[in-house]
C-alpha atoms as a PDB file:
ATOM      1  CA  UNK A   1       0.000   0.000   0.000  1.00  0.00           C
ATOM      2  CA  UNK A   2       1.377   3.431  -0.905  1.00  0.00           C
ATOM      3  CA  UNK A   3       1.534   6.454   1.368  1.00  0.00           C
ATOM      4  CA  UNK A   4      -1.111   8.217  -0.756  1.00  0.00           C
ATOM      5  CA  UNK A   5      -3.575   5.351  -0.430  1.00  0.00           C
ATOM      6  CA  UNK A   6      -3.007   5.154   3.322  1.00  0.00           C
ATOM      7  CA  UNK A   7      -3.609   8.917   3.658  1.00  0.00           C
ATOM      8  CA  UNK A   8      -6.769   8.662   1.571  1.00  0.00           C
ATOM      9  CA  UNK A   9      -8.066   5.823   3.741  1.00  0.00           C
ATOM     10  CA  UNK A  10      -7.314   7.773   6.927  1.00  0.00           C
ATOM     11  CA  UNK A  11      -9.156  10.796   5.523  1.00  0.00           C
ATOM     12  CA  UNK A  12     -12.241   8.700   4.749  1.00  0.00           C
ATOM     13  CA  UNK A  13     -12.187   7.185   8.227  1.00  0.00           C
ATOM     14  CA  UNK A  14     -11.864  10.631   9.831  1.00  0.00           C
ATOM     15  CA  UNK A  15     -14.729  11.982   7.727  1.00  0.00           C
ATOM     16  CA  UNK A  16     -16.955   9.079   8.726  1.00  0.00           C
ATOM     17  CA  UNK A  17     -16.121   9.662  12.392  1.00  0.00           C
ATOM     18  CA  UNK A  18     -16.983  13.372  12.135  1.00  0.00           C
ATOM     19  CA  UNK A  19     -20.303  12.588  10.438  1.00  0.00           C
ATOM     20  CA  UNK A  20     -21.125  10.136  13.204  1.00  0.00           C
ATOM     21  CA  UNK A  21     -20.317  12.717  15.872  1.00  0.00           C
ATOM     22  CA  UNK A  22     -22.374  15.423  14.170  1.00  0.00           C
ATOM     23  CA  UNK A  23     -25.326  13.069  13.852  1.00  0.00           C
ATOM     24  CA  UNK A  24     -25.116  12.270  17.549  1.00  0.00           C
ATOM     25  CA  UNK A  25     -24.874  15.960  18.418  1.00  0.00           C
ATOM     26  CA  UNK A  26     -27.960  16.873  16.376  1.00  0.00           C
ATOM     27  CA  UNK A  27     -30.075  14.322  18.202  1.00  0.00           C
ATOM     28  CA  UNK A  28     -28.623  14.779  21.664  1.00  0.00           C
ATOM     29  CA  UNK A  29     -31.240  15.334  24.403  1.00  0.00           C
ATOM     30  CA  UNK A  30     -31.545  18.886  25.717  1.00  0.00           C
ATOM     31  CA  UNK A  31     -33.044  20.363  28.894  1.00  0.00           C
ATOM     32  CA  UNK A  32     -34.299  23.486  27.105  1.00  0.00           C
ATOM     33  CA  UNK A  33     -38.064  23.408  26.636  1.00  0.00           C
ATOM     34  CA  UNK A  34     -39.457  24.668  23.299  1.00  0.00           C
ATOM     35  CA  UNK A  35     -41.358  27.577  24.898  1.00  0.00           C
ATOM     36  CA  UNK A  36     -38.083  28.860  26.396  1.00  0.00           C
ATOM     37  CA  UNK A  37     -37.018  29.961  22.924  1.00  0.00           C
ATOM     38  CA  UNK A  38     -40.315  31.776  22.279  1.00  0.00           C
ATOM     39  CA  UNK A  39     -40.685  35.242  23.774  1.00  0.00           C
ATOM     40  CA  UNK A  40     -39.498  36.123  27.255  1.00  0.00           C
ATOM     41  CA  UNK A  41     -40.419  35.427  30.861  1.00  0.00           C
ATOM     42  CA  UNK A  42     -42.851  38.354  30.797  1.00  0.00           C
ATOM     43  CA  UNK A  43     -44.557  37.254  27.588  1.00  0.00           C
ATOM     44  CA  UNK A  44     -45.184  33.857  29.151  1.00  0.00           C
ATOM     45  CA  UNK A  45     -47.120  35.527  31.990  1.00  0.00           C
ATOM     46  CA  UNK A  46     -49.470  37.833  30.119  1.00  0.00           C
ATOM     47  CA  UNK A  47     -52.009  40.104  31.801  1.00  0.00           C
ATOM     48  CA  UNK A  48     -55.520  39.345  30.578  1.00  0.00           C
ATOM     49  CA  UNK A  49     -58.452  41.726  30.123  1.00  0.00           C
ATOM     50  CA  UNK A  50     -62.103  41.109  30.978  1.00  0.00           C
ATOM     51  CA  UNK A  51     -65.148  43.293  30.373  1.00  0.00           C
ATOM     52  CA  UNK A  52     -68.068  43.756  32.734  1.00  0.00           C
ATOM     53  CA  UNK A  53     -70.975  46.116  33.315  1.00  0.00           C
ATOM     54  CA  UNK A  54     -71.139  48.513  36.252  1.00  0.00           C
ATOM     55  CA  UNK A  55     -74.672  49.152  37.549  1.00  0.00           C
ATOM     56  CA  UNK A  56     -76.182  51.740  39.860  1.00  0.00           C
ATOM     57  CA  UNK A  57     -79.786  51.430  41.013  1.00  0.00           C
ATOM     58  CA  UNK A  58     -81.607  54.446  42.448  1.00  0.00           C
ATOM     59  CA  UNK A  59     -84.803  53.513  44.256  1.00  0.00           C
ATOM     60  CA  UNK A  60     -87.828  55.652  43.390  1.00  0.00           C
ATOM     61  CA  UNK A  61     -89.694  56.454  46.585  1.00  0.00           C
ATOM     62  CA  UNK A  62     -93.488  56.585  46.184  1.00  0.00           C
ATOM     63  CA  UNK A  63     -93.768  59.467  48.686  1.00  0.00           C
ATOM     64  CA  UNK A  64     -90.810  61.670  47.679  1.00  0.00           C
ATOM     65  CA  UNK A  65     -90.906  64.593  45.276  1.00  0.00           C
ATOM     66  CA  UNK A  66     -87.164  64.778  44.569  1.00  0.00           C
ATOM     67  CA  UNK A  67     -83.982  62.774  44.901  1.00  0.00           C
ATOM     68  CA  UNK A  68     -82.288  62.678  48.282  1.00  0.00           C
ATOM     69  CA  UNK A  69     -78.832  64.162  48.780  1.00  0.00           C
ATOM     70  CA  UNK A  70     -77.531  60.638  49.328  1.00  0.00           C
ATOM     71  CA  UNK A  71     -78.814  59.502  45.932  1.00  0.00           C
ATOM     72  CA  UNK A  72     -77.358  62.591  44.262  1.00  0.00           C
ATOM     73  CA  UNK A  73     -73.976  61.821  45.809  1.00  0.00           C
ATOM     74  CA  UNK A  74     -74.187  58.193  44.650  1.00  0.00           C
ATOM     75  CA  UNK A  75     -74.945  59.303  41.096  1.00  0.00           C
ATOM     76  CA  UNK A  76     -72.088  61.809  41.194  1.00  0.00           C
ATOM     77  CA  UNK A  77     -69.587  59.167  42.342  1.00  0.00           C
ATOM     78  CA  UNK A  78     -70.834  56.687  39.748  1.00  0.00           C
ATOM     79  CA  UNK A  79     -70.511  59.216  36.925  1.00  0.00           C
ATOM     80  CA  UNK A  80     -67.024  60.091  38.197  1.00  0.00           C
ATOM     81  CA  UNK A  81     -65.964  56.460  37.804  1.00  0.00           C
ATOM     82  CA  UNK A  82     -67.437  56.452  34.281  1.00  0.00           C
ATOM     83  CA  UNK A  83     -65.465  59.574  33.362  1.00  0.00           C
ATOM     84  CA  UNK A  84     -62.294  57.920  34.658  1.00  0.00           C
ATOM     85  CA  UNK A  85     -62.449  54.431  33.154  1.00  0.00           C
ATOM     86  CA  UNK A  86     -65.851  53.884  31.540  1.00  0.00           C
ATOM     87  CA  UNK A  87     -66.194  52.792  27.922  1.00  0.00           C
ATOM     88  CA  UNK A  88     -69.097  53.102  25.555  1.00  0.00           C
ATOM     89  CA  UNK A  89     -72.165  55.155  26.433  1.00  0.00           C
ATOM     90  CA  UNK A  90     -73.425  55.939  29.912  1.00  0.00           C
ATOM     91  CA  UNK A  91     -76.852  54.302  29.857  1.00  0.00           C
ATOM     92  CA  UNK A  92     -79.700  55.968  31.763  1.00  0.00           C
ATOM     93  CA  UNK A  93     -82.637  53.562  31.940  1.00  0.00           C
ATOM     94  CA  UNK A  94     -86.064  54.877  32.942  1.00  0.00           C
ATOM     95  CA  UNK A  95     -88.355  52.444  34.798  1.00  0.00           C
ATOM     96  CA  UNK A  96     -91.632  51.889  32.971  1.00  0.00           C
ATOM     97  CA  UNK A  97     -93.181  50.359  36.088  1.00  0.00           C
ATOM     98  CA  UNK A  98     -92.853  52.847  38.932  1.00  0.00           C
ATOM     99  CA  UNK A  99     -94.857  53.780  42.023  1.00  0.00           C
ATOM    100  CA  UNK A 100     -93.889  57.410  41.378  1.00  0.00           C
ATOM    101  CA  UNK A 101     -93.582  58.035  37.618  1.00  0.00           C
ATOM    102  CA  UNK A 102     -93.120  61.785  38.072  1.00  0.00           C
ATOM    103  CA  UNK A 103     -90.108  61.311  40.353  1.00  0.00           C
ATOM    104  CA  UNK A 104     -88.694  58.702  37.969  1.00  0.00           C
ATOM    105  CA  UNK A 105     -88.660  61.234  35.119  1.00  0.00           C
ATOM    106  CA  UNK A 106     -87.286  63.945  37.402  1.00  0.00           C
ATOM    107  CA  UNK A 107     -84.556  61.616  38.665  1.00  0.00           C
ATOM    108  CA  UNK A 108     -83.534  60.753  35.110  1.00  0.00           C
ATOM    109  CA  UNK A 109     -83.277  64.433  34.187  1.00  0.00           C
ATOM    110  CA  UNK A 110     -81.256  65.168  37.316  1.00  0.00           C
ATOM    111  CA  UNK A 111     -78.896  62.258  36.634  1.00  0.00           C
ATOM    112  CA  UNK A 112     -78.345  63.625  33.124  1.00  0.00           C
ATOM    113  CA  UNK A 113     -77.576  67.074  34.558  1.00  0.00           C
ATOM    114  CA  UNK A 114     -75.079  65.623  37.041  1.00  0.00           C
ATOM    115  CA  UNK A 115     -73.348  63.762  34.217  1.00  0.00           C
ATOM    116  CA  UNK A 116     -73.085  66.982  32.215  1.00  0.00           C
ATOM    117  CA  UNK A 117     -71.550  68.783  35.211  1.00  0.00           C
ATOM    118  CA  UNK A 118     -69.000  65.957  35.475  1.00  0.00           C
ATOM    119  CA  UNK A 119     -67.878  66.533  31.900  1.00  0.00           C
ATOM    120  CA  UNK A 120     -69.878  63.784  30.168  1.00  0.00           C
ATOM    121  CA  UNK A 121     -71.018  64.961  26.738  1.00  0.00           C
ATOM    122  CA  UNK A 122     -74.603  64.504  25.626  1.00  0.00           C
ATOM    123  CA  UNK A 123     -73.538  62.215  22.778  1.00  0.00           C
ATOM    124  CA  UNK A 124     -71.982  59.908  25.395  1.00  0.00           C
ATOM    125  CA  UNK A 125     -75.376  59.397  27.064  1.00  0.00           C
ATOM    126  CA  UNK A 126     -77.790  56.714  25.958  1.00  0.00           C
ATOM    127  CA  UNK A 127     -81.440  56.442  26.990  1.00  0.00           C
ATOM    128  CA  UNK A 128     -83.258  53.183  27.634  1.00  0.00           C
ATOM    129  CA  UNK A 129     -86.292  51.797  29.447  1.00  0.00           C
ATOM    130  CA  UNK A 130     -86.872  48.681  31.500  1.00  0.00           C
ATOM    131  CA  UNK A 131     -89.443  46.937  33.667  1.00  0.00           C
ATOM    132  CA  UNK A 132     -92.353  46.959  31.242  1.00  0.00           C
ATOM    133  CA  UNK A 133     -95.181  44.821  32.588  1.00  0.00           C
ATOM    134  CA  UNK A 134     -93.604  44.440  36.020  1.00  0.00           C
ATOM    135  CA  UNK A 135     -95.928  44.412  39.034  1.00  0.00           C
ATOM    136  CA  UNK A 136     -93.148  45.772  41.266  1.00  0.00           C
ATOM    137  CA  UNK A 137     -91.852  49.337  41.232  1.00  0.00           C
ATOM    138  CA  UNK A 138     -88.519  49.441  39.405  1.00  0.00           C
ATOM    139  CA  UNK A 139     -85.485  51.634  40.184  1.00  0.00           C
ATOM    140  CA  UNK A 140     -83.708  54.107  37.938  1.00  0.00           C
ATOM    141  CA  UNK A 141     -80.668  52.309  36.501  1.00  0.00           C
ATOM    142  CA  UNK A 142     -77.352  53.762  35.343  1.00  0.00           C
ATOM    143  CA  UNK A 143     -74.846  51.476  33.622  1.00  0.00           C
ATOM    144  CA  UNK A 144     -71.631  51.473  31.613  1.00  0.00           C
ATOM    145  CA  UNK A 145     -68.945  49.051  30.422  1.00  0.00           C
ATOM    146  CA  UNK A 146     -65.612  48.773  32.215  1.00  0.00           C
ATOM    147  CA  UNK A 147     -62.508  46.628  31.704  1.00  0.00           C
ATOM    148  CA  UNK A 148     -60.558  44.794  34.411  1.00  0.00           C
ATOM    149  CA  UNK A 149     -56.983  43.532  34.303  1.00  0.00           C
ATOM    150  CA  UNK A 150     -56.723  39.799  34.974  1.00  0.00           C
ATOM    151  CA  UNK A 151     -53.369  38.843  36.532  1.00  0.00           C
ATOM    152  CA  UNK A 152     -51.664  35.599  35.491  1.00  0.00           C
ATOM    153  CA  UNK A 153     -51.958  32.540  37.682  1.00  0.00           C
ATOM    154  CA  UNK A 154     -48.567  32.246  39.332  1.00  0.00           C
ATOM    155  CA  UNK A 155     -47.386  28.821  40.404  1.00  0.00           C
ATOM    156  CA  UNK A 156     -46.488  28.475  44.056  1.00  0.00           C
ATOM    157  CA  UNK A 157     -42.794  29.041  44.651  1.00  0.00           C
ATOM    158  CA  UNK A 158     -42.928  26.102  47.038  1.00  0.00           C
ATOM    159  CA  UNK A 159     -43.270  23.845  43.999  1.00  0.00           C
ATOM    160  CA  UNK A 160     -40.029  25.109  42.440  1.00  0.00           C
ATOM    161  CA  UNK A 161     -36.566  23.754  43.158  1.00  0.00           C
ATOM    162  CA  UNK A 162     -34.444  26.900  43.165  1.00  0.00           C
ATOM    163  CA  UNK A 163     -31.340  24.842  43.837  1.00  0.00           C
ATOM    164  CA  UNK A 164     -31.622  22.966  40.538  1.00  0.00           C
ATOM    165  CA  UNK A 165     -29.358  24.839  38.127  1.00  0.00           C
ATOM    166  CA  UNK A 166     -28.631  21.910  35.836  1.00  0.00           C
ATOM    167  CA  UNK A 167     -30.374  23.447  32.823  1.00  0.00           C
ATOM    168  CA  UNK A 168     -29.634  27.120  33.618  1.00  0.00           C
ATOM    169  CA  UNK A 169     -33.147  27.945  32.344  1.00  0.00           C
ATOM    170  CA  UNK A 170     -35.682  30.434  33.681  1.00  0.00           C
ATOM    171  CA  UNK A 171     -38.112  29.011  36.201  1.00  0.00           C
ATOM    172  CA  UNK A 172     -41.835  29.213  35.348  1.00  0.00           C
ATOM    173  CA  UNK A 173     -42.353  31.642  38.237  1.00  0.00           C
ATOM    174  CA  UNK A 174     -39.898  34.219  36.853  1.00  0.00           C
ATOM    175  CA  UNK A 175     -41.700  37.437  35.895  1.00  0.00           C
ATOM    176  CA  UNK A 176     -45.117  36.301  37.111  1.00  0.00           C
ATOM    177  CA  UNK A 177     -45.074  38.483  40.234  1.00  0.00           C
ATOM    178  CA  UNK A 178     -44.032  41.483  38.134  1.00  0.00           C
ATOM    179  CA  UNK A 179     -47.024  41.028  35.852  1.00  0.00           C
ATOM    180  CA  UNK A 180     -49.344  40.530  38.839  1.00  0.00           C
ATOM    181  CA  UNK A 181     -48.218  43.850  40.316  1.00  0.00           C
ATOM    182  CA  UNK A 182     -48.566  45.514  36.917  1.00  0.00           C
ATOM    183  CA  UNK A 183     -52.157  44.294  36.601  1.00  0.00           C
ATOM    184  CA  UNK A 184     -52.981  45.958  39.921  1.00  0.00           C
ATOM    185  CA  UNK A 185     -51.460  49.297  38.858  1.00  0.00           C
ATOM    186  CA  UNK A 186     -52.876  49.747  35.340  1.00  0.00           C
ATOM    187  CA  UNK A 187     -55.246  52.725  35.371  1.00  0.00           C
ATOM    188  CA  UNK A 188     -57.337  51.600  32.409  1.00  0.00           C
ATOM    189  CA  UNK A 189     -56.904  47.947  31.396  1.00  0.00           C
ATOM    190  CA  UNK A 190     -58.568  48.711  28.055  1.00  0.00           C
ATOM    191  CA  UNK A 191     -55.208  50.153  26.991  1.00  0.00           C
ATOM    192  CA  UNK A 192     -53.911  46.573  26.860  1.00  0.00           C
ATOM    193  CA  UNK A 193     -56.272  45.885  23.961  1.00  0.00           C
ATOM    194  CA  UNK A 194     -54.646  48.443  21.677  1.00  0.00           C
ATOM    195  CA  UNK A 195     -53.775  52.082  21.207  1.00  0.00           C
ATOM    196  CA  UNK A 196     -56.381  54.752  21.805  1.00  0.00           C
ATOM    197  CA  UNK A 197     -57.568  56.711  18.761  1.00  0.00           C
ATOM    198  CA  UNK A 198     -55.760  60.012  18.340  1.00  0.00           C
ATOM    199  CA  UNK A 199     -57.583  63.252  17.651  1.00  0.00           C
ATOM    200  CA  UNK A 200     -56.467  65.188  14.564  1.00  0.00           C
ATOM    201  CA  UNK A 201     -53.740  67.755  15.139  1.00  0.00           C
ATOM    202  CA  UNK A 202     -54.275  71.517  15.069  1.00  0.00           C
ATOM    203  CA  UNK A 203     -53.173  72.452  11.554  1.00  0.00           C
ATOM    204  CA  UNK A 204     -53.425  76.202  12.222  1.00  0.00           C
ATOM    205  CA  UNK A 205     -51.195  75.965  15.290  1.00  0.00           C
ATOM    206  CA  UNK A 206     -48.726  73.820  13.366  1.00  0.00           C
ATOM    207  CA  UNK A 207     -48.459  76.483  10.641  1.00  0.00           C
ATOM    208  CA  UNK A 208     -47.770  79.170  13.251  1.00  0.00           C
ATOM    209  CA  UNK A 209     -44.938  77.158  14.798  1.00  0.00           C
ATOM    210  CA  UNK A 210     -43.400  76.384  11.387  1.00  0.00           C
ATOM    211  CA  UNK A 211     -43.550  80.053  10.400  1.00  0.00           C
ATOM    212  CA  UNK A 212     -41.747  81.084  13.591  1.00  0.00           C
ATOM    213  CA  UNK A 213     -39.173  78.342  13.050  1.00  0.00           C
ATOM    214  CA  UNK A 214     -38.414  79.569   9.533  1.00  0.00           C
ATOM    215  CA  UNK A 215     -38.003  83.138  10.810  1.00  0.00           C
ATOM    216  CA  UNK A 216     -35.684  82.031  13.605  1.00  0.00           C
ATOM    217  CA  UNK A 217     -38.116  83.148  16.286  1.00  0.00           C
ATOM    218  CA  UNK A 218     -38.851  81.437  19.582  1.00  0.00           C
ATOM    219  CA  UNK A 219     -41.513  78.786  19.014  1.00  0.00           C
ATOM    220  CA  UNK A 220     -42.562  78.444  22.650  1.00  0.00           C
ATOM    221  CA  UNK A 221     -45.398  80.412  24.199  1.00  0.00           C
ATOM    222  CA  UNK A 222     -44.518  83.767  25.740  1.00  0.00           C
ATOM    223  CA  UNK A 223     -44.027  83.722  29.512  1.00  0.00           C
ATOM    224  CA  UNK A 224     -44.659  86.562  31.937  1.00  0.00           C
ATOM    225  CA  UNK A 225     -42.609  87.555  34.978  1.00  0.00           C
ATOM    226  CA  UNK A 226     -45.217  85.869  37.168  1.00  0.00           C
ATOM    227  CA  UNK A 227     -44.066  82.502  35.791  1.00  0.00           C
ATOM    228  CA  UNK A 228     -40.465  83.001  36.865  1.00  0.00           C
ATOM    229  CA  UNK A 229     -38.850  80.225  38.835  1.00  0.00           C
ATOM    230  CA  UNK A 230     -36.444  82.566  40.648  1.00  0.00           C
ATOM    231  CA  UNK A 231     -36.164  82.134  44.409  1.00  0.00           C
ATOM    232  CA  UNK A 232     -37.376  85.117  46.387  1.00  0.00           C
ATOM    233  CA  UNK A 233     -34.770  87.017  48.400  1.00  0.00           C
ATOM    234  CA  UNK A 234     -37.346  88.688  50.646  1.00  0.00           C
ATOM    235  CA  UNK A 235     -36.216  86.558  53.583  1.00  0.00           C
ATOM    236  CA  UNK A 236     -32.521  85.824  53.982  1.00  0.00           C
END
């Protein structure tokens, strides 16, 4: 056998060995779960959103001629919550079966006036009626839709072995507490469903700013001496 043939045979043997090793490596078991490579610890503990209806019932007294101060305060607080996180229209439902129909109509008008004072526009109000055919006097009902943040279900840390570092992977509990705290702090969970619609910009104001910019003038609003942030030296 020549040196060339021996070298060629050694090369073939080495190539076969490398192919065998690569095949073994491609099928070697791994401790990394498939979901570990998808997203992050926070994306695996998402905050959910649920929708519900808030109700307020105002009893219509058969002997009263106007709403009580307590009922007015309840309506005011309810409308305040709607202005803060309500979605859709504020529904004012008039009872068709009432022991005091006059007060029912008056109460509805007063609730509408309170909503207007709280900044609710008339196009955000929706009228309805309920209780037709009822033999029992029905209350005035106010209602609106609201969204709640639903925190993820975090596994008990007692079920996790924090001393097991064999795989060097994230534990399922990582990030879950962060998302739970976030769900409790979100002012309006509806924001998790998507961006809010933006109102169109003020084209006239934009033209004024651009004109000042082209002329090299100050684009900010003029400030008076009353807006100065200087510290008074009246008392040393």
